[in-house]
Amino acid sequence: MGGDALAEPVRNLVTLLVDGSRAVLLPEIAAQFDALKRAHESVLEVRIVSARELSDAERDDLVATLGRKYGKKIEARVEVDASLIGGARVHVGDEVIHASIRDALAQMAVALAR
């Protein structure tokens, strides 16, 4: 089979979806397949939003810590958001770990308003 050829089951699925005017479902099917593959391989995708660019050592330390906490291999995507003032936010699925100065200030403001 050449590098551009699709396996027969995949080709049949794509044909079925296109013929049934359901090609719009392909991105969601791909996302669900990717999620199942990651779960099977014990890989956890996380999004790290940091107030500043992380050094390689800082990124590696954070990824190692998350790997120990969740017991899985971590695939991290790192973004910078200067509005956090300092620290970072870590998004793991639906869970958000708040460790930024902005979040701490917001929590203090709520506590002081009570």
C-alpha atoms as a PDB file:
ATOM      1  CA  MET A   1       0.000   0.000   0.000  1.00  0.00           C
ATOM      2  CA  GLY A   2       1.398   3.453  -0.914  1.00  0.00           C
ATOM      3  CA  GLY A   3       1.836   6.314   1.518  1.00  0.00           C
ATOM      4  CA  ASP A   4      -1.254   8.130   0.185  1.00  0.00           C
ATOM      5  CA  ALA A   5      -3.591   5.125   0.100  1.00  0.00           C
ATOM      6  CA  LEU A   6      -6.221   4.610   2.806  1.00  0.00           C
ATOM      7  CA  ALA A   7      -6.861   1.238   4.390  1.00  0.00           C
ATOM      8  CA  GLU A   8     -10.052  -0.313   3.065  1.00  0.00           C
ATOM      9  CA  PRO A   9     -12.086   0.110   6.309  1.00  0.00           C
ATOM     10  CA  VAL A  10     -11.116   3.784   6.477  1.00  0.00           C
ATOM     11  CA  ARG A  11     -11.930   4.299   2.800  1.00  0.00           C
ATOM     12  CA  ASN A  12     -15.321   2.588   3.341  1.00  0.00           C
ATOM     13  CA  LEU A  13     -16.095   4.829   6.325  1.00  0.00           C
ATOM     14  CA  VAL A  14     -15.192   7.999   4.444  1.00  0.00           C
ATOM     15  CA  THR A  15     -17.248   6.888   1.429  1.00  0.00           C
ATOM     16  CA  LEU A  16     -20.217   6.094   3.679  1.00  0.00           C
ATOM     17  CA  LEU A  17     -20.015   9.505   5.360  1.00  0.00           C
ATOM     18  CA  VAL A  18     -19.591  11.427   2.103  1.00  0.00           C
ATOM     19  CA  ASP A  19     -22.379   9.512   0.320  1.00  0.00           C
ATOM     20  CA  GLY A  20     -24.678  10.072   3.305  1.00  0.00           C
ATOM     21  CA  SER A  21     -23.905  13.817   3.362  1.00  0.00           C
ATOM     22  CA  ARG A  22     -22.268  13.378   6.756  1.00  0.00           C
ATOM     23  CA  ALA A  23     -18.704  14.402   5.889  1.00  0.00           C
ATOM     24  CA  VAL A  24     -19.111  17.222   8.412  1.00  0.00           C
ATOM     25  CA  LEU A  25     -18.769  14.543  11.126  1.00  0.00           C
ATOM     26  CA  LEU A  26     -15.211  13.617  10.115  1.00  0.00           C
ATOM     27  CA  PRO A  27     -13.451  16.130  12.426  1.00  0.00           C
ATOM     28  CA  GLU A  28     -15.476  14.927  15.444  1.00  0.00           C
ATOM     29  CA  ILE A  29     -14.834  11.277  14.568  1.00  0.00           C
ATOM     30  CA  ALA A  30     -11.099  12.049  14.325  1.00  0.00           C
ATOM     31  CA  ALA A  31     -11.171  13.855  17.693  1.00  0.00           C
ATOM     32  CA  GLN A  32     -12.985  10.938  19.370  1.00  0.00           C
ATOM     33  CA  PHE A  33     -10.541   8.443  17.854  1.00  0.00           C
ATOM     34  CA  ASP A  34      -7.606  10.544  19.101  1.00  0.00           C
ATOM     35  CA  ALA A  35      -9.113  10.671  22.617  1.00  0.00           C
ATOM     36  CA  LEU A  36      -9.569   6.884  22.662  1.00  0.00           C
ATOM     37  CA  LYS A  37      -6.022   6.360  21.388  1.00  0.00           C
ATOM     38  CA  ARG A  38      -4.599   8.661  24.088  1.00  0.00           C
ATOM     39  CA  ALA A  39      -6.593   6.868  26.794  1.00  0.00           C
ATOM     40  CA  HIS A  40      -5.383   3.480  25.546  1.00  0.00           C
ATOM     41  CA  GLU A  41      -1.759   4.687  25.553  1.00  0.00           C
ATOM     42  CA  SER A  42      -2.151   6.420  28.964  1.00  0.00           C
ATOM     43  CA  VAL A  43      -1.329   9.808  27.488  1.00  0.00           C
ATOM     44  CA  LEU A  44      -2.825  12.932  29.020  1.00  0.00           C
ATOM     45  CA  GLU A  45      -2.954  16.141  27.006  1.00  0.00           C
ATOM     46  CA  VAL A  46      -2.572  19.294  29.109  1.00  0.00           C
ATOM     47  CA  ARG A  47      -2.561  22.988  28.322  1.00  0.00           C
ATOM     48  CA  ILE A  48      -0.227  25.142  30.372  1.00  0.00           C
ATOM     49  CA  VAL A  49      -0.878  28.884  30.276  1.00  0.00           C
ATOM     50  CA  SER A  50       2.016  30.766  31.806  1.00  0.00           C
ATOM     51  CA  ALA A  51       2.503  34.440  32.557  1.00  0.00           C
ATOM     52  CA  ARG A  52       5.879  34.270  30.812  1.00  0.00           C
ATOM     53  CA  GLU A  53       7.845  31.985  28.546  1.00  0.00           C
ATOM     54  CA  LEU A  54       8.948  28.883  30.470  1.00  0.00           C
ATOM     55  CA  SER A  55      12.510  27.634  30.246  1.00  0.00           C
ATOM     56  CA  ASP A  56      12.979  24.044  29.081  1.00  0.00           C
ATOM     57  CA  ALA A  57      13.887  23.032  32.642  1.00  0.00           C
ATOM     58  CA  GLU A  58      10.748  24.677  34.102  1.00  0.00           C
ATOM     59  CA  ARG A  59       8.560  23.038  31.460  1.00  0.00           C
ATOM     60  CA  ASP A  60      10.185  19.635  32.032  1.00  0.00           C
ATOM     61  CA  ASP A  61       9.784  19.931  35.828  1.00  0.00           C
ATOM     62  CA  LEU A  62       6.112  20.854  35.498  1.00  0.00           C
ATOM     63  CA  VAL A  63       5.447  18.026  33.026  1.00  0.00           C
ATOM     64  CA  ALA A  64       7.231  15.534  35.324  1.00  0.00           C
ATOM     65  CA  THR A  65       5.179  16.730  38.315  1.00  0.00           C
ATOM     66  CA  LEU A  66       1.933  16.368  36.353  1.00  0.00           C
ATOM     67  CA  GLY A  67       3.003  12.923  35.161  1.00  0.00           C
ATOM     68  CA  ARG A  68       3.544  11.791  38.746  1.00  0.00           C
ATOM     69  CA  LYS A  69       0.249  13.334  39.895  1.00  0.00           C
ATOM     70  CA  TYR A  70      -1.876  11.736  37.157  1.00  0.00           C
ATOM     71  CA  GLY A  71       0.202   8.589  36.585  1.00  0.00           C
ATOM     72  CA  LYS A  72       0.265   9.132  32.842  1.00  0.00           C
ATOM     73  CA  LYS A  73       2.574  10.346  30.121  1.00  0.00           C
ATOM     74  CA  ILE A  74       1.964  14.070  29.650  1.00  0.00           C
ATOM     75  CA  GLU A  75       1.766  15.864  26.314  1.00  0.00           C
ATOM     76  CA  ALA A  76       1.891  19.560  27.145  1.00  0.00           C
ATOM     77  CA  ARG A  77       0.989  22.543  25.005  1.00  0.00           C
ATOM     78  CA  VAL A  78       2.407  25.736  26.512  1.00  0.00           C
ATOM     79  CA  GLU A  79       0.967  29.205  25.912  1.00  0.00           C
ATOM     80  CA  VAL A  80       1.884  32.606  27.297  1.00  0.00           C
ATOM     81  CA  ASP A  81      -0.704  35.020  28.761  1.00  0.00           C
ATOM     82  CA  ALA A  82       0.931  38.052  30.381  1.00  0.00           C
ATOM     83  CA  SER A  83      -2.405  39.038  31.972  1.00  0.00           C
ATOM     84  CA  LEU A  84      -1.837  36.278  34.562  1.00  0.00           C
ATOM     85  CA  ILE A  85       0.818  38.622  36.082  1.00  0.00           C
ATOM     86  CA  GLY A  86       2.837  35.646  37.389  1.00  0.00           C
ATOM     87  CA  GLY A  87       2.563  31.883  37.735  1.00  0.00           C
ATOM     88  CA  ALA A  88       0.480  29.642  35.498  1.00  0.00           C
ATOM     89  CA  ARG A  89      -2.806  27.873  34.900  1.00  0.00           C
ATOM     90  CA  VAL A  90      -2.839  24.220  33.961  1.00  0.00           C
ATOM     91  CA  HIS A  91      -5.820  22.800  32.055  1.00  0.00           C
ATOM     92  CA  VAL A  92      -6.211  19.023  32.363  1.00  0.00           C
ATOM     93  CA  GLY A  93      -9.414  18.034  30.625  1.00  0.00           C
ATOM     94  CA  ASP A  94     -12.207  19.820  32.498  1.00  0.00           C
ATOM     95  CA  GLU A  95      -9.986  20.470  35.528  1.00  0.00           C
ATOM     96  CA  VAL A  96      -8.126  23.777  35.886  1.00  0.00           C
ATOM     97  CA  ILE A  97      -5.273  24.116  38.346  1.00  0.00           C
ATOM     98  CA  HIS A  98      -5.006  27.790  39.277  1.00  0.00           C
ATOM     99  CA  ALA A  99      -1.505  28.823  40.263  1.00  0.00           C
ATOM    100  CA  SER A 100      -1.303  32.361  38.937  1.00  0.00           C
ATOM    101  CA  ILE A 101      -1.041  35.651  40.785  1.00  0.00           C
ATOM    102  CA  ARG A 102      -4.127  36.907  38.955  1.00  0.00           C
ATOM    103  CA  ASP A 103      -6.166  33.960  40.243  1.00  0.00           C
ATOM    104  CA  ALA A 104      -4.816  34.407  43.781  1.00  0.00           C
ATOM    105  CA  LEU A 105      -5.759  38.099  43.728  1.00  0.00           C
ATOM    106  CA  ALA A 106      -9.246  37.250  42.469  1.00  0.00           C
ATOM    107  CA  GLN A 107      -9.697  34.716  45.283  1.00  0.00           C
ATOM    108  CA  MET A 108      -8.529  37.285  47.849  1.00  0.00           C
ATOM    109  CA  ALA A 109     -10.948  39.871  46.444  1.00  0.00           C
ATOM    110  CA  VAL A 110     -13.843  37.442  46.859  1.00  0.00           C
ATOM    111  CA  ALA A 111     -12.769  36.600  50.411  1.00  0.00           C
ATOM    112  CA  LEU A 112     -12.450  40.285  51.344  1.00  0.00           C
ATOM    113  CA  ALA A 113     -15.864  41.127  49.873  1.00  0.00           C
ATOM    114  CA  ARG A 114     -17.596  38.708  52.269  1.00  0.00           C
END
